[in-house]
PDBML (XML) file of the C-alpha atoms, coordinates in Angstrom:
<?xml version="1.0" encoding="UTF-8" ?>
<PDBx:datablock datablockName="MODEL"
   xmlns:PDBx="http://pdbml.pdb.org/schema/pdbx-v50.xsd"
   xmlns:xsi="http://www.w3.org/2001/XMLSchema-instance"
   xsi:schemaLocation="http://pdbml.pdb.org/schema/pdbx-v50.xsd pdbx-v50.xsd">
   <PDBx:atom_siteCategory>
      <PDBx:atom_site id="1">
         <PDBx:B_iso_or_equiv>0.00</PDBx:B_iso_or_equiv>
         <PDBx:Cartn_x>-0.604</PDBx:Cartn_x>
         <PDBx:Cartn_y>-19.000</PDBx:Cartn_y>
         <PDBx:Cartn_z>-17.620</PDBx:Cartn_z>
         <PDBx:auth_asym_id>A</PDBx:auth_asym_id>
         <PDBx:auth_atom_id>CA</PDBx:auth_atom_id>
         <PDBx:auth_comp_id>LEU</PDBx:auth_comp_id>
         <PDBx:auth_seq_id>1</PDBx:auth_seq_id>
         <PDBx:group_PDB>ATOM</PDBx:group_PDB>
         <PDBx:label_alt_id xsi:nil="true" />
         <PDBx:label_asym_id>A</PDBx:label_asym_id>
         <PDBx:label_atom_id>CA</PDBx:label_atom_id>
         <PDBx:label_comp_id>LEU</PDBx:label_comp_id>
         <PDBx:label_entity_id>1</PDBx:label_entity_id>
         <PDBx:label_seq_id>1</PDBx:label_seq_id>
         <PDBx:occupancy>1.00</PDBx:occupancy>
         <PDBx:pdbx_PDB_model_num>1</PDBx:pdbx_PDB_model_num>
         <PDBx:type_symbol>C</PDBx:type_symbol>
      </PDBx:atom_site>
      <PDBx:atom_site id="2">
         <PDBx:B_iso_or_equiv>0.00</PDBx:B_iso_or_equiv>
         <PDBx:Cartn_x>-2.442</PDBx:Cartn_x>
         <PDBx:Cartn_y>-18.772</PDBx:Cartn_y>
         <PDBx:Cartn_z>-20.942</PDBx:Cartn_z>
         <PDBx:auth_asym_id>A</PDBx:auth_asym_id>
         <PDBx:auth_atom_id>CA</PDBx:auth_atom_id>
         <PDBx:auth_comp_id>ASP</PDBx:auth_comp_id>
         <PDBx:auth_seq_id>2</PDBx:auth_seq_id>
         <PDBx:group_PDB>ATOM</PDBx:group_PDB>
         <PDBx:label_alt_id xsi:nil="true" />
         <PDBx:label_asym_id>A</PDBx:label_asym_id>
         <PDBx:label_atom_id>CA</PDBx:label_atom_id>
         <PDBx:label_comp_id>ASP</PDBx:label_comp_id>
         <PDBx:label_entity_id>1</PDBx:label_entity_id>
         <PDBx:label_seq_id>2</PDBx:label_seq_id>
         <PDBx:occupancy>1.00</PDBx:occupancy>
         <PDBx:pdbx_PDB_model_num>1</PDBx:pdbx_PDB_model_num>
         <PDBx:type_symbol>C</PDBx:type_symbol>
      </PDBx:atom_site>
      <PDBx:atom_site id="3">
         <PDBx:B_iso_or_equiv>0.00</PDBx:B_iso_or_equiv>
         <PDBx:Cartn_x>0.700</PDBx:Cartn_x>
         <PDBx:Cartn_y>-17.436</PDBx:Cartn_y>
         <PDBx:Cartn_z>-22.698</PDBx:Cartn_z>
         <PDBx:auth_asym_id>A</PDBx:auth_asym_id>
         <PDBx:auth_atom_id>CA</PDBx:auth_atom_id>
         <PDBx:auth_comp_id>SER</PDBx:auth_comp_id>
         <PDBx:auth_seq_id>3</PDBx:auth_seq_id>
         <PDBx:group_PDB>ATOM</PDBx:group_PDB>
         <PDBx:label_alt_id xsi:nil="true" />
         <PDBx:label_asym_id>A</PDBx:label_asym_id>
         <PDBx:label_atom_id>CA</PDBx:label_atom_id>
         <PDBx:label_comp_id>SER</PDBx:label_comp_id>
         <PDBx:label_entity_id>1</PDBx:label_entity_id>
         <PDBx:label_seq_id>3</PDBx:label_seq_id>
         <PDBx:occupancy>1.00</PDBx:occupancy>
         <PDBx:pdbx_PDB_model_num>1</PDBx:pdbx_PDB_model_num>
         <PDBx:type_symbol>C</PDBx:type_symbol>
      </PDBx:atom_site>
      <PDBx:atom_site id="4">
         <PDBx:B_iso_or_equiv>0.00</PDBx:B_iso_or_equiv>
         <PDBx:Cartn_x>1.149</PDBx:Cartn_x>
         <PDBx:Cartn_y>-14.679</PDBx:Cartn_y>
         <PDBx:Cartn_z>-20.100</PDBx:Cartn_z>
         <PDBx:auth_asym_id>A</PDBx:auth_asym_id>
         <PDBx:auth_atom_id>CA</PDBx:auth_atom_id>
         <PDBx:auth_comp_id>LYS</PDBx:auth_comp_id>
         <PDBx:auth_seq_id>4</PDBx:auth_seq_id>
         <PDBx:group_PDB>ATOM</PDBx:group_PDB>
         <PDBx:label_alt_id xsi:nil="true" />
         <PDBx:label_asym_id>A</PDBx:label_asym_id>
         <PDBx:label_atom_id>CA</PDBx:label_atom_id>
         <PDBx:label_comp_id>LYS</PDBx:label_comp_id>
         <PDBx:label_entity_id>1</PDBx:label_entity_id>
         <PDBx:label_seq_id>4</PDBx:label_seq_id>
         <PDBx:occupancy>1.00</PDBx:occupancy>
         <PDBx:pdbx_PDB_model_num>1</PDBx:pdbx_PDB_model_num>
         <PDBx:type_symbol>C</PDBx:type_symbol>
      </PDBx:atom_site>
      <PDBx:atom_site id="5">
         <PDBx:B_iso_or_equiv>0.00</PDBx:B_iso_or_equiv>
         <PDBx:Cartn_x>4.025</PDBx:Cartn_x>
         <PDBx:Cartn_y>-14.342</PDBx:Cartn_y>
         <PDBx:Cartn_z>-17.614</PDBx:Cartn_z>
         <PDBx:auth_asym_id>A</PDBx:auth_asym_id>
         <PDBx:auth_atom_id>CA</PDBx:auth_atom_id>
         <PDBx:auth_comp_id>CYS</PDBx:auth_comp_id>
         <PDBx:auth_seq_id>5</PDBx:auth_seq_id>
         <PDBx:group_PDB>ATOM</PDBx:group_PDB>
         <PDBx:label_alt_id xsi:nil="true" />
         <PDBx:label_asym_id>A</PDBx:label_asym_id>
         <PDBx:label_atom_id>CA</PDBx:label_atom_id>
         <PDBx:label_comp_id>CYS</PDBx:label_comp_id>
         <PDBx:label_entity_id>1</PDBx:label_entity_id>
         <PDBx:label_seq_id>5</PDBx:label_seq_id>
         <PDBx:occupancy>1.00</PDBx:occupancy>
         <PDBx:pdbx_PDB_model_num>1</PDBx:pdbx_PDB_model_num>
         <PDBx:type_symbol>C</PDBx:type_symbol>
      </PDBx:atom_site>
      <PDBx:atom_site id="6">
         <PDBx:B_iso_or_equiv>0.00</PDBx:B_iso_or_equiv>
         <PDBx:Cartn_x>4.499</PDBx:Cartn_x>
         <PDBx:Cartn_y>-12.988</PDBx:Cartn_y>
         <PDBx:Cartn_z>-14.114</PDBx:Cartn_z>
         <PDBx:auth_asym_id>A</PDBx:auth_asym_id>
         <PDBx:auth_atom_id>CA</PDBx:auth_atom_id>
         <PDBx:auth_comp_id>GLY</PDBx:auth_comp_id>
         <PDBx:auth_seq_id>6</PDBx:auth_seq_id>
         <PDBx:group_PDB>ATOM</PDBx:group_PDB>
         <PDBx:label_alt_id xsi:nil="true" />
         <PDBx:label_asym_id>A</PDBx:label_asym_id>
         <PDBx:label_atom_id>CA</PDBx:label_atom_id>
         <PDBx:label_comp_id>GLY</PDBx:label_comp_id>
         <PDBx:label_entity_id>1</PDBx:label_entity_id>
         <PDBx:label_seq_id>6</PDBx:label_seq_id>
         <PDBx:occupancy>1.00</PDBx:occupancy>
         <PDBx:pdbx_PDB_model_num>1</PDBx:pdbx_PDB_model_num>
         <PDBx:type_symbol>C</PDBx:type_symbol>
      </PDBx:atom_site>
      <PDBx:atom_site id="7">
         <PDBx:B_iso_or_equiv>0.00</PDBx:B_iso_or_equiv>
         <PDBx:Cartn_x>6.091</PDBx:Cartn_x>
         <PDBx:Cartn_y>-13.789</PDBx:Cartn_y>
         <PDBx:Cartn_z>-10.750</PDBx:Cartn_z>
         <PDBx:auth_asym_id>A</PDBx:auth_asym_id>
         <PDBx:auth_atom_id>CA</PDBx:auth_atom_id>
         <PDBx:auth_comp_id>TYR</PDBx:auth_comp_id>
         <PDBx:auth_seq_id>7</PDBx:auth_seq_id>
         <PDBx:group_PDB>ATOM</PDBx:group_PDB>
         <PDBx:label_alt_id xsi:nil="true" />
         <PDBx:label_asym_id>A</PDBx:label_asym_id>
         <PDBx:label_atom_id>CA</PDBx:label_atom_id>
         <PDBx:label_comp_id>TYR</PDBx:label_comp_id>
         <PDBx:label_entity_id>1</PDBx:label_entity_id>
         <PDBx:label_seq_id>7</PDBx:label_seq_id>
         <PDBx:occupancy>1.00</PDBx:occupancy>
         <PDBx:pdbx_PDB_model_num>1</PDBx:pdbx_PDB_model_num>
         <PDBx:type_symbol>C</PDBx:type_symbol>
      </PDBx:atom_site>
      <PDBx:atom_site id="8">
         <PDBx:B_iso_or_equiv>0.00</PDBx:B_iso_or_equiv>
         <PDBx:Cartn_x>4.728</PDBx:Cartn_x>
         <PDBx:Cartn_y>-15.263</PDBx:Cartn_y>
         <PDBx:Cartn_z>-7.513</PDBx:Cartn_z>
         <PDBx:auth_asym_id>A</PDBx:auth_asym_id>
         <PDBx:auth_atom_id>CA</PDBx:auth_atom_id>
         <PDBx:auth_comp_id>VAL</PDBx:auth_comp_id>
         <PDBx:auth_seq_id>8</PDBx:auth_seq_id>
         <PDBx:group_PDB>ATOM</PDBx:group_PDB>
         <PDBx:label_alt_id xsi:nil="true" />
         <PDBx:label_asym_id>A</PDBx:label_asym_id>
         <PDBx:label_atom_id>CA</PDBx:label_atom_id>
         <PDBx:label_comp_id>VAL</PDBx:label_comp_id>
         <PDBx:label_entity_id>1</PDBx:label_entity_id>
         <PDBx:label_seq_id>8</PDBx:label_seq_id>
         <PDBx:occupancy>1.00</PDBx:occupancy>
         <PDBx:pdbx_PDB_model_num>1</PDBx:pdbx_PDB_model_num>
         <PDBx:type_symbol>C</PDBx:type_symbol>
      </PDBx:atom_site>
      <PDBx:atom_site id="9">
         <PDBx:B_iso_or_equiv>0.00</PDBx:B_iso_or_equiv>
         <PDBx:Cartn_x>6.176</PDBx:Cartn_x>
         <PDBx:Cartn_y>-15.357</PDBx:Cartn_y>
         <PDBx:Cartn_z>-4.002</PDBx:Cartn_z>
         <PDBx:auth_asym_id>A</PDBx:auth_asym_id>
         <PDBx:auth_atom_id>CA</PDBx:auth_atom_id>
         <PDBx:auth_comp_id>SER</PDBx:auth_comp_id>
         <PDBx:auth_seq_id>9</PDBx:auth_seq_id>
         <PDBx:group_PDB>ATOM</PDBx:group_PDB>
         <PDBx:label_alt_id xsi:nil="true" />
         <PDBx:label_asym_id>A</PDBx:label_asym_id>
         <PDBx:label_atom_id>CA</PDBx:label_atom_id>
         <PDBx:label_comp_id>SER</PDBx:label_comp_id>
         <PDBx:label_entity_id>1</PDBx:label_entity_id>
         <PDBx:label_seq_id>9</PDBx:label_seq_id>
         <PDBx:occupancy>1.00</PDBx:occupancy>
         <PDBx:pdbx_PDB_model_num>1</PDBx:pdbx_PDB_model_num>
         <PDBx:type_symbol>C</PDBx:type_symbol>
      </PDBx:atom_site>
      <PDBx:atom_site id="10">
         <PDBx:B_iso_or_equiv>0.00</PDBx:B_iso_or_equiv>
         <PDBx:Cartn_x>6.708</PDBx:Cartn_x>
         <PDBx:Cartn_y>-18.414</PDBx:Cartn_y>
         <PDBx:Cartn_z>-1.792</PDBx:Cartn_z>
         <PDBx:auth_asym_id>A</PDBx:auth_asym_id>
         <PDBx:auth_atom_id>CA</PDBx:auth_atom_id>
         <PDBx:auth_comp_id>LYS</PDBx:auth_comp_id>
         <PDBx:auth_seq_id>10</PDBx:auth_seq_id>
         <PDBx:group_PDB>ATOM</PDBx:group_PDB>
         <PDBx:label_alt_id xsi:nil="true" />
         <PDBx:label_asym_id>A</PDBx:label_asym_id>
         <PDBx:label_atom_id>CA</PDBx:label_atom_id>
         <PDBx:label_comp_id>LYS</PDBx:label_comp_id>
         <PDBx:label_entity_id>1</PDBx:label_entity_id>
         <PDBx:label_seq_id>10</PDBx:label_seq_id>
         <PDBx:occupancy>1.00</PDBx:occupancy>
         <PDBx:pdbx_PDB_model_num>1</PDBx:pdbx_PDB_model_num>
         <PDBx:type_symbol>C</PDBx:type_symbol>
      </PDBx:atom_site>
      <PDBx:atom_site id="11">
         <PDBx:B_iso_or_equiv>0.00</PDBx:B_iso_or_equiv>
         <PDBx:Cartn_x>3.534</PDBx:Cartn_x>
         <PDBx:Cartn_y>-17.568</PDBx:Cartn_y>
         <PDBx:Cartn_z>0.107</PDBx:Cartn_z>
         <PDBx:auth_asym_id>A</PDBx:auth_asym_id>
         <PDBx:auth_atom_id>CA</PDBx:auth_atom_id>
         <PDBx:auth_comp_id>ILE</PDBx:auth_comp_id>
         <PDBx:auth_seq_id>11</PDBx:auth_seq_id>
         <PDBx:group_PDB>ATOM</PDBx:group_PDB>
         <PDBx:label_alt_id xsi:nil="true" />
         <PDBx:label_asym_id>A</PDBx:label_asym_id>
         <PDBx:label_atom_id>CA</PDBx:label_atom_id>
         <PDBx:label_comp_id>ILE</PDBx:label_comp_id>
         <PDBx:label_entity_id>1</PDBx:label_entity_id>
         <PDBx:label_seq_id>11</PDBx:label_seq_id>
         <PDBx:occupancy>1.00</PDBx:occupancy>
         <PDBx:pdbx_PDB_model_num>1</PDBx:pdbx_PDB_model_num>
         <PDBx:type_symbol>C</PDBx:type_symbol>
      </PDBx:atom_site>
      <PDBx:atom_site id="12">
         <PDBx:B_iso_or_equiv>0.00</PDBx:B_iso_or_equiv>
         <PDBx:Cartn_x>1.456</PDBx:Cartn_x>
         <PDBx:Cartn_y>-17.690</PDBx:Cartn_y>
         <PDBx:Cartn_z>-3.072</PDBx:Cartn_z>
         <PDBx:auth_asym_id>A</PDBx:auth_asym_id>
         <PDBx:auth_atom_id>CA</PDBx:auth_atom_id>
         <PDBx:auth_comp_id>GLY</PDBx:auth_comp_id>
         <PDBx:auth_seq_id>12</PDBx:auth_seq_id>
         <PDBx:group_PDB>ATOM</PDBx:group_PDB>
         <PDBx:label_alt_id xsi:nil="true" />
         <PDBx:label_asym_id>A</PDBx:label_asym_id>
         <PDBx:label_atom_id>CA</PDBx:label_atom_id>
         <PDBx:label_comp_id>GLY</PDBx:label_comp_id>
         <PDBx:label_entity_id>1</PDBx:label_entity_id>
         <PDBx:label_seq_id>12</PDBx:label_seq_id>
         <PDBx:occupancy>1.00</PDBx:occupancy>
         <PDBx:pdbx_PDB_model_num>1</PDBx:pdbx_PDB_model_num>
         <PDBx:type_symbol>C</PDBx:type_symbol>
      </PDBx:atom_site>
      <PDBx:atom_site id="13">
         <PDBx:B_iso_or_equiv>0.00</PDBx:B_iso_or_equiv>
         <PDBx:Cartn_x>1.111</PDBx:Cartn_x>
         <PDBx:Cartn_y>-13.955</PDBx:Cartn_y>
         <PDBx:Cartn_z>-3.621</PDBx:Cartn_z>
         <PDBx:auth_asym_id>A</PDBx:auth_asym_id>
         <PDBx:auth_atom_id>CA</PDBx:auth_atom_id>
         <PDBx:auth_comp_id>LYS</PDBx:auth_comp_id>
         <PDBx:auth_seq_id>13</PDBx:auth_seq_id>
         <PDBx:group_PDB>ATOM</PDBx:group_PDB>
         <PDBx:label_alt_id xsi:nil="true" />
         <PDBx:label_asym_id>A</PDBx:label_asym_id>
         <PDBx:label_atom_id>CA</PDBx:label_atom_id>
         <PDBx:label_comp_id>LYS</PDBx:label_comp_id>
         <PDBx:label_entity_id>1</PDBx:label_entity_id>
         <PDBx:label_seq_id>13</PDBx:label_seq_id>
         <PDBx:occupancy>1.00</PDBx:occupancy>
         <PDBx:pdbx_PDB_model_num>1</PDBx:pdbx_PDB_model_num>
         <PDBx:type_symbol>C</PDBx:type_symbol>
      </PDBx:atom_site>
      <PDBx:atom_site id="14">
         <PDBx:B_iso_or_equiv>0.00</PDBx:B_iso_or_equiv>
         <PDBx:Cartn_x>1.166</PDBx:Cartn_x>
         <PDBx:Cartn_y>-12.748</PDBx:Cartn_y>
         <PDBx:Cartn_z>-7.223</PDBx:Cartn_z>
         <PDBx:auth_asym_id>A</PDBx:auth_asym_id>
         <PDBx:auth_atom_id>CA</PDBx:auth_atom_id>
         <PDBx:auth_comp_id>GLU</PDBx:auth_comp_id>
         <PDBx:auth_seq_id>14</PDBx:auth_seq_id>
         <PDBx:group_PDB>ATOM</PDBx:group_PDB>
         <PDBx:label_alt_id xsi:nil="true" />
         <PDBx:label_asym_id>A</PDBx:label_asym_id>
         <PDBx:label_atom_id>CA</PDBx:label_atom_id>
         <PDBx:label_comp_id>GLU</PDBx:label_comp_id>
         <PDBx:label_entity_id>1</PDBx:label_entity_id>
         <PDBx:label_seq_id>14</PDBx:label_seq_id>
         <PDBx:occupancy>1.00</PDBx:occupancy>
         <PDBx:pdbx_PDB_model_num>1</PDBx:pdbx_PDB_model_num>
         <PDBx:type_symbol>C</PDBx:type_symbol>
      </PDBx:atom_site>
      <PDBx:atom_site id="15">
         <PDBx:B_iso_or_equiv>0.00</PDBx:B_iso_or_equiv>
         <PDBx:Cartn_x>3.968</PDBx:Cartn_x>
         <PDBx:Cartn_y>-10.173</PDBx:Cartn_y>
         <PDBx:Cartn_z>-7.036</PDBx:Cartn_z>
         <PDBx:auth_asym_id>A</PDBx:auth_asym_id>
         <PDBx:auth_atom_id>CA</PDBx:auth_atom_id>
         <PDBx:auth_comp_id>VAL</PDBx:auth_comp_id>
         <PDBx:auth_seq_id>15</PDBx:auth_seq_id>
         <PDBx:group_PDB>ATOM</PDBx:group_PDB>
         <PDBx:label_alt_id xsi:nil="true" />
         <PDBx:label_asym_id>A</PDBx:label_asym_id>
         <PDBx:label_atom_id>CA</PDBx:label_atom_id>
         <PDBx:label_comp_id>VAL</PDBx:label_comp_id>
         <PDBx:label_entity_id>1</PDBx:label_entity_id>
         <PDBx:label_seq_id>15</PDBx:label_seq_id>
         <PDBx:occupancy>1.00</PDBx:occupancy>
         <PDBx:pdbx_PDB_model_num>1</PDBx:pdbx_PDB_model_num>
         <PDBx:type_symbol>C</PDBx:type_symbol>
      </PDBx:atom_site>
      <PDBx:atom_site id="16">
         <PDBx:B_iso_or_equiv>0.00</PDBx:B_iso_or_equiv>
         <PDBx:Cartn_x>4.227</PDBx:Cartn_x>
         <PDBx:Cartn_y>-9.343</PDBx:Cartn_y>
         <PDBx:Cartn_z>-10.734</PDBx:Cartn_z>
         <PDBx:auth_asym_id>A</PDBx:auth_asym_id>
         <PDBx:auth_atom_id>CA</PDBx:auth_atom_id>
         <PDBx:auth_comp_id>ILE</PDBx:auth_comp_id>
         <PDBx:auth_seq_id>16</PDBx:auth_seq_id>
         <PDBx:group_PDB>ATOM</PDBx:group_PDB>
         <PDBx:label_alt_id xsi:nil="true" />
         <PDBx:label_asym_id>A</PDBx:label_asym_id>
         <PDBx:label_atom_id>CA</PDBx:label_atom_id>
         <PDBx:label_comp_id>ILE</PDBx:label_comp_id>
         <PDBx:label_entity_id>1</PDBx:label_entity_id>
         <PDBx:label_seq_id>16</PDBx:label_seq_id>
         <PDBx:occupancy>1.00</PDBx:occupancy>
         <PDBx:pdbx_PDB_model_num>1</PDBx:pdbx_PDB_model_num>
         <PDBx:type_symbol>C</PDBx:type_symbol>
      </PDBx:atom_site>
      <PDBx:atom_site id="17">
         <PDBx:B_iso_or_equiv>0.00</PDBx:B_iso_or_equiv>
         <PDBx:Cartn_x>0.853</PDBx:Cartn_x>
         <PDBx:Cartn_y>-9.599</PDBx:Cartn_y>
         <PDBx:Cartn_z>-12.470</PDBx:Cartn_z>
         <PDBx:auth_asym_id>A</PDBx:auth_asym_id>
         <PDBx:auth_atom_id>CA</PDBx:auth_atom_id>
         <PDBx:auth_comp_id>SER</PDBx:auth_comp_id>
         <PDBx:auth_seq_id>17</PDBx:auth_seq_id>
         <PDBx:group_PDB>ATOM</PDBx:group_PDB>
         <PDBx:label_alt_id xsi:nil="true" />
         <PDBx:label_asym_id>A</PDBx:label_asym_id>
         <PDBx:label_atom_id>CA</PDBx:label_atom_id>
         <PDBx:label_comp_id>SER</PDBx:label_comp_id>
         <PDBx:label_entity_id>1</PDBx:label_entity_id>
         <PDBx:label_seq_id>17</PDBx:label_seq_id>
         <PDBx:occupancy>1.00</PDBx:occupancy>
         <PDBx:pdbx_PDB_model_num>1</PDBx:pdbx_PDB_model_num>
         <PDBx:type_symbol>C</PDBx:type_symbol>
      </PDBx:atom_site>
      <PDBx:atom_site id="18">
         <PDBx:B_iso_or_equiv>0.00</PDBx:B_iso_or_equiv>
         <PDBx:Cartn_x>0.570</PDBx:Cartn_x>
         <PDBx:Cartn_y>-12.553</PDBx:Cartn_y>
         <PDBx:Cartn_z>-14.828</PDBx:Cartn_z>
         <PDBx:auth_asym_id>A</PDBx:auth_asym_id>
         <PDBx:auth_atom_id>CA</PDBx:auth_atom_id>
         <PDBx:auth_comp_id>VAL</PDBx:auth_comp_id>
         <PDBx:auth_seq_id>18</PDBx:auth_seq_id>
         <PDBx:group_PDB>ATOM</PDBx:group_PDB>
         <PDBx:label_alt_id xsi:nil="true" />
         <PDBx:label_asym_id>A</PDBx:label_asym_id>
         <PDBx:label_atom_id>CA</PDBx:label_atom_id>
         <PDBx:label_comp_id>VAL</PDBx:label_comp_id>
         <PDBx:label_entity_id>1</PDBx:label_entity_id>
         <PDBx:label_seq_id>18</PDBx:label_seq_id>
         <PDBx:occupancy>1.00</PDBx:occupancy>
         <PDBx:pdbx_PDB_model_num>1</PDBx:pdbx_PDB_model_num>
         <PDBx:type_symbol>C</PDBx:type_symbol>
      </PDBx:atom_site>
      <PDBx:atom_site id="19">
         <PDBx:B_iso_or_equiv>0.00</PDBx:B_iso_or_equiv>
         <PDBx:Cartn_x>-0.240</PDBx:Cartn_x>
         <PDBx:Cartn_y>-10.299</PDBx:Cartn_y>
         <PDBx:Cartn_z>-17.764</PDBx:Cartn_z>
         <PDBx:auth_asym_id>A</PDBx:auth_asym_id>
         <PDBx:auth_atom_id>CA</PDBx:auth_atom_id>
         <PDBx:auth_comp_id>LYS</PDBx:auth_comp_id>
         <PDBx:auth_seq_id>19</PDBx:auth_seq_id>
         <PDBx:group_PDB>ATOM</PDBx:group_PDB>
         <PDBx:label_alt_id xsi:nil="true" />
         <PDBx:label_asym_id>A</PDBx:label_asym_id>
         <PDBx:label_atom_id>CA</PDBx:label_atom_id>
         <PDBx:label_comp_id>LYS</PDBx:label_comp_id>
         <PDBx:label_entity_id>1</PDBx:label_entity_id>
         <PDBx:label_seq_id>19</PDBx:label_seq_id>
         <PDBx:occupancy>1.00</PDBx:occupancy>
         <PDBx:pdbx_PDB_model_num>1</PDBx:pdbx_PDB_model_num>
         <PDBx:type_symbol>C</PDBx:type_symbol>
      </PDBx:atom_site>
      <PDBx:atom_site id="20">
         <PDBx:B_iso_or_equiv>0.00</PDBx:B_iso_or_equiv>
         <PDBx:Cartn_x>2.992</PDBx:Cartn_x>
         <PDBx:Cartn_y>-9.865</PDBx:Cartn_y>
         <PDBx:Cartn_z>-19.715</PDBx:Cartn_z>
         <PDBx:auth_asym_id>A</PDBx:auth_asym_id>
         <PDBx:auth_atom_id>CA</PDBx:auth_atom_id>
         <PDBx:auth_comp_id>TYR</PDBx:auth_comp_id>
         <PDBx:auth_seq_id>20</PDBx:auth_seq_id>
         <PDBx:group_PDB>ATOM</PDBx:group_PDB>
         <PDBx:label_alt_id xsi:nil="true" />
         <PDBx:label_asym_id>A</PDBx:label_asym_id>
         <PDBx:label_atom_id>CA</PDBx:label_atom_id>
         <PDBx:label_comp_id>TYR</PDBx:label_comp_id>
         <PDBx:label_entity_id>1</PDBx:label_entity_id>
         <PDBx:label_seq_id>20</PDBx:label_seq_id>
         <PDBx:occupancy>1.00</PDBx:occupancy>
         <PDBx:pdbx_PDB_model_num>1</PDBx:pdbx_PDB_model_num>
         <PDBx:type_symbol>C</PDBx:type_symbol>
      </PDBx:atom_site>
      <PDBx:atom_site id="21">
         <PDBx:B_iso_or_equiv>0.00</PDBx:B_iso_or_equiv>
         <PDBx:Cartn_x>3.742</PDBx:Cartn_x>
         <PDBx:Cartn_y>-11.551</PDBx:Cartn_y>
         <PDBx:Cartn_z>-23.044</PDBx:Cartn_z>
         <PDBx:auth_asym_id>A</PDBx:auth_asym_id>
         <PDBx:auth_atom_id>CA</PDBx:auth_atom_id>
         <PDBx:auth_comp_id>ASP</PDBx:auth_comp_id>
         <PDBx:auth_seq_id>21</PDBx:auth_seq_id>
         <PDBx:group_PDB>ATOM</PDBx:group_PDB>
         <PDBx:label_alt_id xsi:nil="true" />
         <PDBx:label_asym_id>A</PDBx:label_asym_id>
         <PDBx:label_atom_id>CA</PDBx:label_atom_id>
         <PDBx:label_comp_id>ASP</PDBx:label_comp_id>
         <PDBx:label_entity_id>1</PDBx:label_entity_id>
         <PDBx:label_seq_id>21</PDBx:label_seq_id>
         <PDBx:occupancy>1.00</PDBx:occupancy>
         <PDBx:pdbx_PDB_model_num>1</PDBx:pdbx_PDB_model_num>
         <PDBx:type_symbol>C</PDBx:type_symbol>
      </PDBx:atom_site>
      <PDBx:atom_site id="22">
         <PDBx:B_iso_or_equiv>0.00</PDBx:B_iso_or_equiv>
         <PDBx:Cartn_x>7.363</PDBx:Cartn_x>
         <PDBx:Cartn_y>-11.956</PDBx:Cartn_y>
         <PDBx:Cartn_z>-21.915</PDBx:Cartn_z>
         <PDBx:auth_asym_id>A</PDBx:auth_asym_id>
         <PDBx:auth_atom_id>CA</PDBx:auth_atom_id>
         <PDBx:auth_comp_id>TRP</PDBx:auth_comp_id>
         <PDBx:auth_seq_id>22</PDBx:auth_seq_id>
         <PDBx:group_PDB>ATOM</PDBx:group_PDB>
         <PDBx:label_alt_id xsi:nil="true" />
         <PDBx:label_asym_id>A</PDBx:label_asym_id>
         <PDBx:label_atom_id>CA</PDBx:label_atom_id>
         <PDBx:label_comp_id>TRP</PDBx:label_comp_id>
         <PDBx:label_entity_id>1</PDBx:label_entity_id>
         <PDBx:label_seq_id>22</PDBx:label_seq_id>
         <PDBx:occupancy>1.00</PDBx:occupancy>
         <PDBx:pdbx_PDB_model_num>1</PDBx:pdbx_PDB_model_num>
         <PDBx:type_symbol>C</PDBx:type_symbol>
      </PDBx:atom_site>
      <PDBx:atom_site id="23">
         <PDBx:B_iso_or_equiv>0.00</PDBx:B_iso_or_equiv>
         <PDBx:Cartn_x>9.296</PDBx:Cartn_x>
         <PDBx:Cartn_y>-11.182</PDBx:Cartn_y>
         <PDBx:Cartn_z>-18.755</PDBx:Cartn_z>
         <PDBx:auth_asym_id>A</PDBx:auth_asym_id>
         <PDBx:auth_atom_id>CA</PDBx:auth_atom_id>
         <PDBx:auth_comp_id>ILE</PDBx:auth_comp_id>
         <PDBx:auth_seq_id>23</PDBx:auth_seq_id>
         <PDBx:group_PDB>ATOM</PDBx:group_PDB>
         <PDBx:label_alt_id xsi:nil="true" />
         <PDBx:label_asym_id>A</PDBx:label_asym_id>
         <PDBx:label_atom_id>CA</PDBx:label_atom_id>
         <PDBx:label_comp_id>ILE</PDBx:label_comp_id>
         <PDBx:label_entity_id>1</PDBx:label_entity_id>
         <PDBx:label_seq_id>23</PDBx:label_seq_id>
         <PDBx:occupancy>1.00</PDBx:occupancy>
         <PDBx:pdbx_PDB_model_num>1</PDBx:pdbx_PDB_model_num>
         <PDBx:type_symbol>C</PDBx:type_symbol>
      </PDBx:atom_site>
      <PDBx:atom_site id="24">
         <PDBx:B_iso_or_equiv>0.00</PDBx:B_iso_or_equiv>
         <PDBx:Cartn_x>13.008</PDBx:Cartn_x>
         <PDBx:Cartn_y>-11.424</PDBx:Cartn_y>
         <PDBx:Cartn_z>-18.052</PDBx:Cartn_z>
         <PDBx:auth_asym_id>A</PDBx:auth_asym_id>
         <PDBx:auth_atom_id>CA</PDBx:auth_atom_id>
         <PDBx:auth_comp_id>GLY</PDBx:auth_comp_id>
         <PDBx:auth_seq_id>24</PDBx:auth_seq_id>
         <PDBx:group_PDB>ATOM</PDBx:group_PDB>
         <PDBx:label_alt_id xsi:nil="true" />
         <PDBx:label_asym_id>A</PDBx:label_asym_id>
         <PDBx:label_atom_id>CA</PDBx:label_atom_id>
         <PDBx:label_comp_id>GLY</PDBx:label_comp_id>
         <PDBx:label_entity_id>1</PDBx:label_entity_id>
         <PDBx:label_seq_id>24</PDBx:label_seq_id>
         <PDBx:occupancy>1.00</PDBx:occupancy>
         <PDBx:pdbx_PDB_model_num>1</PDBx:pdbx_PDB_model_num>
         <PDBx:type_symbol>C</PDBx:type_symbol>
      </PDBx:atom_site>
   </PDBx:atom_siteCategory>
</PDBx:datablock>
C-alpha cells in the first residue's frame, strides 16, 4: 500500500505493519 509492504492474516488483522520499503 503506497509503496510500503507488510503482512495480513486471513481474519484481516495486520500482522506485520505495512510500513516497510521491502519485505521478504
